[in-house]
Structures are given as C-alpha cells and as structure tokens.
N, C-alpha and C. Protein backbone atom coordinates (compact mmCIF):
# COMPACT_ATOMS: atom_id res chain seq x y z
N UNK A 1 -36.12 -27.96 -24.77
CA UNK A 1 -36.63 -26.89 -23.66
C UNK A 1 -35.68 -27.35 -22.32
N UNK A 2 -35.28 -28.26 -21.55
CA UNK A 2 -34.88 -28.57 -20.82
C UNK A 2 -33.46 -27.91 -20.86
N UNK A 3 -32.58 -28.15 -22.08
CA UNK A 3 -31.37 -27.11 -22.30
C UNK A 3 -31.38 -26.04 -22.33
N UNK A 4 -32.30 -25.14 -23.06
CA UNK A 4 -32.42 -23.81 -22.67
C UNK A 4 -32.51 -23.03 -21.48
N UNK A 5 -33.32 -23.73 -20.81
CA UNK A 5 -33.68 -23.56 -19.26
C UNK A 5 -32.11 -23.65 -19.09
N UNK A 6 -31.44 -24.64 -18.73
CA UNK A 6 -30.61 -24.99 -18.01
C UNK A 6 -29.47 -23.97 -18.68
N UNK A 7 -28.97 -23.79 -19.94
CA UNK A 7 -28.46 -22.67 -20.24
C UNK A 7 -28.55 -21.21 -19.73
N UNK A 8 -29.74 -20.90 -20.14
CA UNK A 8 -30.12 -19.67 -19.35
C UNK A 8 -30.08 -19.72 -17.76
N UNK A 9 -29.99 -20.88 -17.16
CA UNK A 9 -29.85 -20.57 -15.73
C UNK A 9 -27.91 -20.32 -15.36
N UNK A 10 -27.63 -21.01 -16.34
CA UNK A 10 -26.13 -20.91 -16.20
C UNK A 10 -25.23 -19.39 -16.70
N UNK A 11 -25.89 -19.00 -17.81
CA UNK A 11 -25.58 -17.58 -18.17
C UNK A 11 -26.06 -16.73 -16.92
N UNK A 12 -27.36 -17.13 -16.32
CA UNK A 12 -28.07 -15.76 -15.60
C UNK A 12 -26.79 -15.88 -14.12
N UNK A 13 -26.64 -17.20 -14.10
CA UNK A 13 -25.62 -17.45 -12.49
C UNK A 13 -24.19 -16.70 -12.97
N UNK A 14 -23.65 -16.43 -13.97
CA UNK A 14 -22.47 -16.19 -14.07
C UNK A 14 -22.45 -14.82 -14.50
N UNK A 15 -23.61 -14.23 -14.79
CA UNK A 15 -23.74 -12.55 -15.26
C UNK A 15 -23.82 -11.96 -13.51
N UNK A 16 -24.55 -12.89 -12.78
CA UNK A 16 -24.44 -12.67 -11.19
C UNK A 16 -23.41 -12.47 -10.57
N UNK A 17 -22.75 -13.22 -10.48
CA UNK A 17 -21.36 -13.68 -10.23
C UNK A 17 -20.13 -12.55 -10.64
N UNK A 18 -20.44 -12.15 -11.96
CA UNK A 18 -19.20 -11.64 -12.47
C UNK A 18 -19.14 -9.88 -12.43
N UNK A 19 -20.66 -9.37 -12.13
CA UNK A 19 -20.99 -7.99 -11.57
C UNK A 19 -20.43 -7.94 -10.17
N UNK A 20 -19.42 -7.08 -9.96
CA UNK A 20 -19.24 -7.02 -8.46
C UNK A 20 -20.08 -5.84 -8.06
N UNK A 21 -20.31 -5.91 -6.85
CA UNK A 21 -21.05 -4.65 -6.12
C UNK A 21 -20.15 -3.61 -6.05
N UNK A 22 -20.82 -2.30 -5.83
CA UNK A 22 -19.91 -0.87 -6.11
C UNK A 22 -19.20 -1.24 -4.61
N UNK A 23 -17.92 -0.78 -4.61
CA UNK A 23 -17.08 -0.92 -3.25
C UNK A 23 -17.50 0.49 -2.27
N UNK A 24 -17.65 0.13 -1.16
CA UNK A 24 -17.99 0.79 -0.07
C UNK A 24 -16.79 1.76 0.42
N UNK A 25 -15.41 1.86 -0.17
CA UNK A 25 -14.63 2.57 0.58
C UNK A 25 -14.31 3.78 -0.45
N UNK A 26 -14.00 5.01 0.21
CA UNK A 26 -13.99 6.41 -0.60
C UNK A 26 -12.11 6.56 -0.99
N UNK A 27 -11.51 5.42 -0.49
CA UNK A 27 -10.14 5.79 -0.31
C UNK A 27 -9.38 4.43 -0.65
N UNK A 28 -8.36 4.03 -1.33
CA UNK A 28 -7.62 2.79 -1.39
C UNK A 28 -5.99 3.31 -1.56
N UNK A 29 -5.60 2.77 -0.76
CA UNK A 29 -4.13 2.83 -1.16
C UNK A 29 -3.19 1.40 -1.26
N UNK A 30 -2.17 2.11 -2.29
CA UNK A 30 -1.65 0.95 -2.85
C UNK A 30 0.11 1.12 -2.80
N UNK A 31 0.52 0.25 -2.98
CA UNK A 31 2.27 0.27 -3.03
C UNK A 31 2.97 -0.65 -4.48
N UNK A 32 3.99 0.13 -4.66
CA UNK A 32 4.64 -0.36 -5.90
C UNK A 32 6.14 0.13 -5.72
N UNK A 33 7.42 -0.61 -6.29
CA UNK A 33 8.39 -0.59 -6.32
C UNK A 33 9.41 -0.69 -7.08
N UNK A 34 10.29 0.17 -7.50
CA UNK A 34 11.37 -0.08 -8.77
C UNK A 34 12.33 -1.33 -8.09
N UNK A 35 12.88 -1.70 -8.94
CA UNK A 35 13.74 -2.83 -8.76
C UNK A 35 15.21 -2.58 -8.18
N UNK A 36 15.49 -3.26 -7.37
CA UNK A 36 16.60 -2.85 -6.23
C UNK A 36 17.94 -4.38 -6.64
N UNK A 37 19.06 -3.65 -6.94
CA UNK A 37 19.89 -4.91 -7.76
C UNK A 37 20.93 -5.49 -7.06
N UNK A 38 21.05 -6.78 -7.13
CA UNK A 38 21.80 -7.36 -6.20
C UNK A 38 21.05 -8.23 -4.78
N UNK A 39 19.66 -8.00 -4.58
CA UNK A 39 19.14 -8.06 -3.80
C UNK A 39 18.13 -9.21 -4.31
N UNK A 40 17.22 -9.87 -3.41
CA UNK A 40 15.96 -11.20 -3.78
C UNK A 40 15.34 -10.49 -3.47
N UNK A 41 15.09 -10.34 -2.12
CA UNK A 41 14.14 -10.10 -1.10
C UNK A 41 14.37 -8.57 -0.28
N UNK A 42 13.39 -7.70 -0.36
CA UNK A 42 13.68 -6.64 0.86
C UNK A 42 11.77 -6.74 1.50
N UNK A 43 11.80 -7.46 2.53
CA UNK A 43 10.46 -7.63 3.44
C UNK A 43 10.36 -6.36 4.17
N UNK A 44 9.53 -5.80 3.80
CA UNK A 44 9.33 -4.78 4.95
C UNK A 44 7.64 -4.76 5.54
N UNK A 45 7.98 -4.34 7.01
CA UNK A 45 6.88 -4.59 7.90
C UNK A 45 6.50 -3.19 8.43
N UNK A 46 4.90 -2.79 8.15
CA UNK A 46 4.81 -1.69 8.35
C UNK A 46 3.56 -1.83 9.44
N UNK A 47 3.35 -1.30 10.38
CA UNK A 47 2.93 -1.23 11.55
C UNK A 47 1.66 -0.71 11.95
N UNK A 48 1.64 0.80 10.94
CA UNK A 48 0.40 1.56 11.02
C UNK A 48 0.73 2.86 9.88
N UNK A 49 -0.56 3.07 9.55
CA UNK A 49 -0.60 4.19 8.71
C UNK A 49 -1.38 5.17 8.78
N UNK A 50 -1.14 6.58 9.26
CA UNK A 50 -1.92 7.43 9.20
C UNK A 50 -2.49 8.04 7.87
N UNK A 51 -3.47 9.09 8.11
CA UNK A 51 -3.46 10.38 7.01
C UNK A 51 -3.77 11.46 8.09
N UNK A 52 -3.51 12.49 7.47
CA UNK A 52 -3.35 14.03 8.31
C UNK A 52 -4.65 14.83 7.42
N UNK A 53 -5.48 14.84 8.49
CA UNK A 53 -6.75 15.60 7.78
C UNK A 53 -6.22 17.30 7.99
N UNK A 54 -6.36 18.03 6.93
CA UNK A 54 -5.94 19.21 7.08
C UNK A 54 -6.93 20.07 7.37
N UNK A 55 -7.97 19.85 6.94
CA UNK A 55 -9.23 20.28 7.81
C UNK A 55 -9.36 20.69 8.89
N UNK A 56 -9.30 19.24 9.60
CA UNK A 56 -9.15 19.50 11.15
C UNK A 56 -7.98 19.47 12.15
N UNK A 57 -6.70 19.23 11.50
CA UNK A 57 -5.53 18.98 11.59
C UNK A 57 -4.71 18.15 12.88
N UNK A 58 -5.31 17.23 12.13
CA UNK A 58 -5.47 16.09 12.93
C UNK A 58 -4.94 14.77 12.07
N UNK A 59 -4.59 13.69 13.26
CA UNK A 59 -4.34 12.68 12.26
C UNK A 59 -5.30 11.41 12.27
N UNK A 60 -5.48 10.66 10.95
CA UNK A 60 -6.70 9.72 11.66
C UNK A 60 -6.33 8.51 12.14
N UNK A 61 -7.01 7.62 12.73
CA UNK A 61 -6.27 6.39 13.35
C UNK A 61 -5.62 5.88 12.46
N UNK A 62 -5.25 4.63 12.75
CA UNK A 62 -4.40 3.52 12.02
C UNK A 62 -5.31 2.82 10.98
N UNK A 63 -5.16 2.93 9.68
CA UNK A 63 -5.89 2.36 8.80
C UNK A 63 -5.86 1.07 8.54
N UNK A 64 -4.30 0.88 8.78
CA UNK A 64 -4.40 -1.05 8.98
C UNK A 64 -5.13 -1.67 10.15
N UNK A 65 -5.54 -2.52 9.45
CA UNK A 65 -6.04 -3.76 10.69
C UNK A 65 -5.27 -4.33 11.31
N UNK A 66 -4.03 -4.67 10.84
CA UNK A 66 -2.96 -5.41 11.12
C UNK A 66 -1.38 -5.35 10.99
N UNK A 67 -0.27 -5.30 10.87
CA UNK A 67 0.28 -4.71 10.76
C UNK A 67 0.66 -5.64 9.42
N UNK A 68 1.42 -5.40 8.51
CA UNK A 68 1.58 -5.48 6.72
C UNK A 68 2.89 -5.91 6.47
N UNK A 69 3.52 -7.18 6.20
CA UNK A 69 4.45 -7.08 5.43
C UNK A 69 4.19 -7.59 4.26
N UNK A 70 5.27 -6.97 3.60
CA UNK A 70 5.44 -6.93 1.95
C UNK A 70 6.78 -7.22 1.35
N UNK A 71 6.78 -7.93 0.17
CA UNK A 71 8.21 -7.84 -0.44
C UNK A 71 8.21 -6.82 -1.34
N UNK A 72 8.85 -6.08 -0.98
CA UNK A 72 9.42 -4.70 -2.29
C UNK A 72 9.68 -5.20 -3.46
N UNK A 73 10.62 -6.16 -3.35
CA UNK A 73 10.94 -6.74 -4.87
C UNK A 73 9.81 -7.19 -5.40
N UNK A 74 9.07 -7.87 -4.83
CA UNK A 74 8.28 -8.70 -5.45
C UNK A 74 6.96 -7.57 -6.18
N UNK A 75 6.97 -6.25 -5.87
CA UNK A 75 6.45 -5.46 -6.15
C UNK A 75 6.65 -4.58 -7.77
N UNK A 76 7.70 -5.10 -7.85
CA UNK A 76 8.24 -4.34 -9.31
C UNK A 76 7.47 -4.56 -10.45
N UNK A 77 6.85 -3.61 -11.10
CA UNK A 77 5.81 -3.73 -12.27
C UNK A 77 4.51 -4.15 -11.61
N UNK A 78 4.12 -3.97 -10.67
CA UNK A 78 2.79 -3.96 -9.71
C UNK A 78 2.06 -3.10 -8.45
N UNK A 79 1.23 -3.24 -8.12
CA UNK A 79 0.97 -2.66 -7.00
C UNK A 79 0.02 -3.61 -6.35
N UNK A 80 0.11 -3.31 -5.17
CA UNK A 80 -0.38 -4.22 -3.78
C UNK A 80 -1.42 -3.05 -3.07
N UNK A 81 -2.78 -3.37 -2.95
CA UNK A 81 -3.48 -3.06 -1.89
C UNK A 81 -2.93 -2.84 -0.52
N UNK A 82 -2.73 -1.79 -0.01
CA UNK A 82 -2.48 -1.95 1.35
C UNK A 82 -3.78 -1.74 2.29
N UNK A 83 -4.79 -0.59 2.11
CA UNK A 83 -5.92 -0.43 3.10
C UNK A 83 -7.14 0.05 1.62
N UNK A 84 -8.03 -0.13 2.16
CA UNK A 84 -9.31 0.72 1.07
C UNK A 84 -10.08 0.71 2.33
N UNK A 85 -10.59 2.08 2.33
CA UNK A 85 -11.87 2.56 3.96
C UNK A 85 -12.47 3.51 3.32
N UNK A 86 -13.39 3.90 4.58
CA UNK A 86 -14.46 5.21 3.83
C UNK A 86 -13.78 6.35 5.29
N UNK A 87 -13.47 7.42 4.10
CA UNK A 87 -12.51 8.60 5.19
C UNK A 87 -13.68 9.72 4.83
N UNK A 88 -13.96 10.39 6.30
CA UNK A 88 -14.58 11.53 6.37
C UNK A 88 -14.24 12.76 5.08
N UNK A 89 -15.35 13.25 4.52
CA UNK A 89 -14.85 14.62 3.51
C UNK A 89 -13.81 15.38 4.03
N UNK A 90 -12.89 15.61 3.08
CA UNK A 90 -11.85 16.81 3.63
C UNK A 90 -10.47 16.93 2.72
N UNK A 91 -9.85 17.67 3.02
CA UNK A 91 -8.78 17.88 2.05
C UNK A 91 -7.11 17.12 3.23
N UNK A 92 -6.52 15.76 2.66
CA UNK A 92 -5.71 15.37 3.29
C UNK A 92 -4.16 16.00 2.65
N UNK A 93 -3.67 16.41 3.82
CA UNK A 93 -2.04 16.63 3.52
C UNK A 93 -0.76 15.86 3.82
N UNK A 94 -0.76 14.56 4.11
CA UNK A 94 0.33 14.14 4.56
C UNK A 94 -0.24 12.49 4.73
N UNK A 95 0.94 11.77 4.71
CA UNK A 95 0.45 10.40 4.67
C UNK A 95 1.85 9.72 5.69
N UNK A 96 1.38 9.06 6.98
CA UNK A 96 2.71 8.52 7.63
C UNK A 96 2.54 6.87 7.44
N UNK A 97 3.76 6.40 7.48
CA UNK A 97 4.19 5.33 7.64
C UNK A 97 4.99 4.66 8.90
N UNK A 98 4.24 3.66 9.33
CA UNK A 98 5.60 3.43 10.88
C UNK A 98 5.95 1.96 10.20
N UNK A 99 7.42 1.77 10.41
CA UNK A 99 7.92 0.66 10.08
C UNK A 99 9.05 0.25 10.99
N UNK A 100 8.54 -0.89 11.46
CA UNK A 100 9.57 -1.90 12.45
C UNK A 100 10.00 -2.64 11.95
N UNK A 101 10.13 -3.13 11.15
CA UNK A 101 11.33 -4.45 10.55
C UNK A 101 11.76 -4.77 8.99
N UNK A 102 12.94 -4.45 8.79
CA UNK A 102 13.35 -4.80 7.00
C UNK A 102 14.23 -6.19 7.34
N UNK A 103 13.52 -7.03 6.26
CA UNK A 103 14.24 -8.08 6.09
C UNK A 103 15.11 -7.84 4.59
N UNK A 104 16.58 -8.41 4.50
CA UNK A 104 17.13 -8.18 3.32
C UNK A 104 17.68 -9.55 3.00
N UNK A 105 17.39 -10.06 1.49
CA UNK A 105 17.76 -11.46 1.47
C UNK A 105 18.46 -11.65 0.60
N UNK A 106 19.90 -11.91 0.21
CA UNK A 106 20.99 -11.64 -0.83
C UNK A 106 20.78 -13.40 -1.29
N UNK A 107 22.16 -13.59 -2.10
CA UNK A 107 21.83 -14.81 -2.35
C UNK A 107 22.71 -15.77 -1.25
N UNK A 108 23.55 -14.63 -0.49
CA UNK A 108 24.14 -15.47 0.31
C UNK A 108 23.77 -15.57 2.18
N UNK A 109 22.77 -14.55 2.22
CA UNK A 109 22.29 -14.84 3.46
C UNK A 109 21.12 -13.84 3.58
N UNK A 110 20.36 -13.85 5.09
CA UNK A 110 19.17 -12.72 5.19
C UNK A 110 19.93 -11.86 6.35
N UNK A 111 19.65 -10.55 6.44
CA UNK A 111 19.84 -9.87 7.24
C UNK A 111 18.46 -8.99 7.94
N UNK A 112 18.19 -8.96 9.13
CA UNK A 112 17.16 -8.72 9.73
C UNK A 112 17.31 -7.25 10.76
N UNK A 113 16.81 -6.14 9.91
CA UNK A 113 16.89 -4.75 10.78
C UNK A 113 15.91 -4.68 11.57
N UNK A 114 15.71 -4.77 12.74
CA UNK A 114 14.50 -4.29 13.68
C UNK A 114 14.86 -2.70 13.97
N UNK A 115 13.90 -1.93 13.96
CA UNK A 115 13.49 -0.78 14.03
C UNK A 115 12.95 -0.68 15.68
N UNK A 116 13.89 -0.24 16.64
CA UNK A 116 13.48 -0.07 17.99
C UNK A 116 14.17 1.34 18.03
N UNK A 117 13.22 2.51 18.44
CA UNK A 117 11.62 2.55 17.99
C UNK A 117 11.13 2.66 16.44
N UNK A 118 10.37 1.93 15.89
CA UNK A 118 9.90 1.79 14.91
C UNK A 118 10.32 3.53 13.79
N UNK A 119 10.91 3.25 12.61
CA UNK A 119 11.01 4.54 12.02
C UNK A 119 9.44 4.93 11.47
N UNK A 120 9.21 5.97 11.34
CA UNK A 120 8.18 6.83 11.04
C UNK A 120 8.45 7.37 10.35
N UNK A 121 7.79 7.58 8.94
CA UNK A 121 8.18 8.35 7.49
C UNK A 121 6.96 9.19 7.17
N UNK A 122 6.98 10.48 7.28
CA UNK A 122 5.58 11.48 6.85
C UNK A 122 5.98 11.68 5.28
N UNK A 123 5.08 11.91 4.60
CA UNK A 123 5.09 11.92 3.46
C UNK A 123 4.01 12.92 2.97
N UNK A 124 4.65 14.13 2.52
CA UNK A 124 3.37 15.11 1.82
C UNK A 124 2.80 14.74 0.83
N UNK A 125 1.73 14.99 1.04
CA UNK A 125 0.76 14.54 -0.29
C UNK A 125 -0.50 15.56 -0.37
N UNK A 126 -1.42 15.73 -1.10
CA UNK A 126 -2.71 16.67 -1.18
C UNK A 126 -3.62 15.93 -2.18
N UNK A 127 -4.96 15.52 -1.20
CA UNK A 127 -6.19 15.07 -2.09
C UNK A 127 -7.38 15.49 -1.40
N UNK A 128 -8.08 15.46 -1.88
CA UNK A 128 -9.64 15.49 -1.30
C UNK A 128 -10.73 14.45 -1.74
N UNK A 129 -11.39 14.40 -0.20
CA UNK A 129 -12.39 13.24 -0.78
C UNK A 129 -13.47 13.97 -0.83
N UNK A 130 -14.29 13.88 -1.53
CA UNK A 130 -15.59 14.18 -1.80
C UNK A 130 -16.68 13.68 -1.77
N UNK A 131 -17.71 14.21 -1.26
CA UNK A 131 -18.91 13.13 -0.81
C UNK A 131 -19.55 12.24 -2.30
N UNK A 132 -19.26 12.62 -3.61
CA UNK A 132 -19.50 11.57 -4.32
C UNK A 132 -18.62 10.90 -5.05
N UNK A 133 -17.11 10.91 -4.37
CA UNK A 133 -16.15 10.43 -5.18
C UNK A 133 -15.35 9.74 -4.27
N UNK A 134 -14.18 9.12 -5.40
CA UNK A 134 -13.12 8.18 -4.28
C UNK A 134 -11.65 8.62 -4.94
N UNK A 135 -10.87 8.36 -3.90
CA UNK A 135 -9.42 8.51 -4.51
C UNK A 135 -8.65 7.48 -4.17
N UNK A 136 -7.87 7.03 -5.44
CA UNK A 136 -6.83 5.89 -5.41
C UNK A 136 -5.12 6.16 -5.11
N UNK A 137 -4.42 6.01 -4.07
CA UNK A 137 -2.93 6.83 -3.85
C UNK A 137 -2.61 5.78 -4.04
N UNK A 138 -1.05 6.01 -4.88
CA UNK A 138 0.06 4.69 -5.09
C UNK A 138 1.31 5.40 -4.62
N UNK A 139 1.68 4.53 -3.85
CA UNK A 139 2.68 5.23 -3.04
C UNK A 139 4.11 4.07 -3.54
N UNK A 140 5.26 4.50 -4.58
CA UNK A 140 6.51 3.92 -4.78
C UNK A 140 7.21 4.11 -3.69
N UNK A 141 7.62 2.83 -3.06
CA UNK A 141 8.97 2.50 -2.20
C UNK A 141 9.76 2.00 -2.60
N UNK A 142 10.69 3.09 -2.73
CA UNK A 142 12.22 2.61 -3.65
C UNK A 142 13.04 1.53 -2.75
N UNK A 143 13.47 0.83 -2.85
CA UNK A 143 14.26 -0.32 -2.30
C UNK A 143 16.03 -0.04 -2.51
N UNK A 144 15.62 0.21 -3.56
CA UNK A 144 17.11 0.51 -3.81
C UNK A 144 17.49 1.64 -3.49
N UNK A 145 17.09 2.94 -3.79
CA UNK A 145 17.69 4.15 -2.34
C UNK A 145 17.56 4.27 -1.13
N UNK A 146 16.28 2.98 -0.82
CA UNK A 146 16.63 3.00 0.88
C UNK A 146 17.33 2.31 1.74
N UNK A 147 18.15 1.25 0.89
CA UNK A 147 19.06 0.67 1.53
C UNK A 147 20.41 1.12 1.43
N UNK A 148 21.51 0.65 2.56
CA UNK A 148 22.90 0.97 2.33
C UNK A 148 23.46 -0.09 2.38
N UNK A 149 24.62 -0.08 2.61
CA UNK A 149 25.74 -1.54 2.74
C UNK A 149 26.93 -0.85 2.82
N UNK A 150 27.84 -0.98 3.78
CA UNK A 150 28.97 -0.33 4.14
C UNK A 150 30.11 -1.19 4.21
N UNK A 151 29.63 -2.10 3.52
CA UNK A 151 31.00 -3.67 2.94
C UNK A 151 30.84 -4.95 4.22
N UNK A 152 30.13 -4.58 5.24
CA UNK A 152 29.78 -5.46 6.59
C UNK A 152 28.15 -5.09 6.39
N UNK A 153 27.67 -4.43 6.62
CA UNK A 153 25.84 -4.12 7.56
C UNK A 153 25.29 -3.73 6.74
N UNK A 154 24.17 -3.55 6.58
CA UNK A 154 23.08 -2.95 5.71
C UNK A 154 22.40 -1.91 6.84
N UNK A 155 21.95 -0.86 6.29
CA UNK A 155 21.49 0.05 6.90
C UNK A 155 19.97 0.44 5.86
N UNK A 156 19.41 1.01 6.40
CA UNK A 156 17.88 1.16 6.12
C UNK A 156 17.45 2.74 6.44
N UNK A 157 17.20 3.61 5.31
CA UNK A 157 16.74 4.88 5.49
C UNK A 157 15.38 5.34 4.35
N UNK A 158 14.34 5.04 4.49
CA UNK A 158 13.21 4.51 3.86
C UNK A 158 12.86 5.99 2.58
N UNK A 159 12.79 5.78 1.60
CA UNK A 159 12.86 6.42 0.29
C UNK A 159 11.16 6.15 -0.20
N UNK A 160 10.18 6.90 0.05
CA UNK A 160 9.18 6.36 -0.23
C UNK A 160 8.69 7.95 -1.03
N UNK A 161 8.16 7.80 -2.28
CA UNK A 161 6.98 8.96 -2.62
C UNK A 161 5.78 8.53 -2.96
N UNK A 162 4.87 10.03 -3.59
CA UNK A 162 3.44 9.64 -3.88
C UNK A 162 3.83 9.17 -5.11
N UNK A 163 3.44 8.33 -5.82
CA UNK A 163 3.37 7.47 -7.39
C UNK A 163 2.47 8.43 -7.99
N UNK A 164 1.15 8.32 -7.57
CA UNK A 164 0.15 8.97 -8.22
C UNK A 164 -0.59 9.12 -7.36
N UNK A 165 -1.83 10.02 -7.47
CA UNK A 165 -3.10 10.34 -6.78
C UNK A 165 -4.31 10.55 -8.11
N UNK A 166 -5.15 9.46 -7.98
CA UNK A 166 -6.39 9.58 -8.93
C UNK A 166 -7.49 9.95 -8.29
N UNK A 167 -8.65 10.75 -8.67
CA UNK A 167 -9.70 11.39 -8.09
C UNK A 167 -10.61 10.24 -9.03
N UNK A 168 -11.70 9.80 -8.63
CA UNK A 168 -12.88 9.07 -9.51
C UNK A 168 -14.06 10.01 -9.25
C-alpha cells in the first residue's frame, strides 16, 4: 500500500509541475538570424524597443526592462525571446529598436562599433491585439546584410525584417 501511495504522490507532483500556467502576456517578441559568413560572432546591444499604437498615434514605453545583448550568429536556426508583455488592445503599425553597440568577432580580432548617438531602426508591421488573443512576432536581424567591410574597417547598417506575426 505504501508503494502505491508513494507512486501516486510522485505522479501527482510530476503532473503538477509539468503543467505550465497560462501566460500573463498577450504579446511576445522574438529574434532570429540567418548566418553571416566569415564572422564568428556579432554581438548587438539593443537598448530599447518601442511599438507604435496606430489607434492612439503614440509609441509605447520601452518594452525592455534592461538593455539586451544578442549574438546574432548564435540565433541561426532558432528564436530568442526579447520581450513578453501585456499590451493594450488595438492595432500596432511599427516597431522601433534602439541599438547602441555592435561587436564583430572574426578569427583574427574583435571590432567594437559604438553608436553615438544610438542607431534607431523603425520596422513597419501590422498586427492587432484583441481582448481574448495574443500575438507572437519574430524579427529577422540579418547580420550578413547589416555588416560591411571596406578592407580595413567594419560598418554597420541594420537590416531587420518582420519574419512572422502569429495571432493566437
């Protein structure tokens, strides 16, 4: 009898911890990247992300709680969550990223590009947040198209597109 009680207790605990609670966010933002050739790492520091609420003609507050540094090369074939939050209902028409620094790592050395002032990239998008739904957006930050090389120095001109917007 003790074995049955013990087994049932273990099964109950496993079931309880395997069920995840419903997310409190109705908007999730992810980043992915295609590979860049000849470069080992591209670390991009994003200081802020804003969404344009088309209904109110305003930008949201910064949706990042702190600056986030991503290795774009490490995002090849996967998505990394940048933010999850509760947005007001409405239609959104753009997303804006503020980038302050880029580090490009090759086999020979590391190049640090500090953006002063930070580079602001506005990406058109169109999605609606409904009372009973959620939205998942994935941005594709194309490192290969964003980086230039003149033979002595790297340059950076961010190339970012909306890869997908999924309404749940």
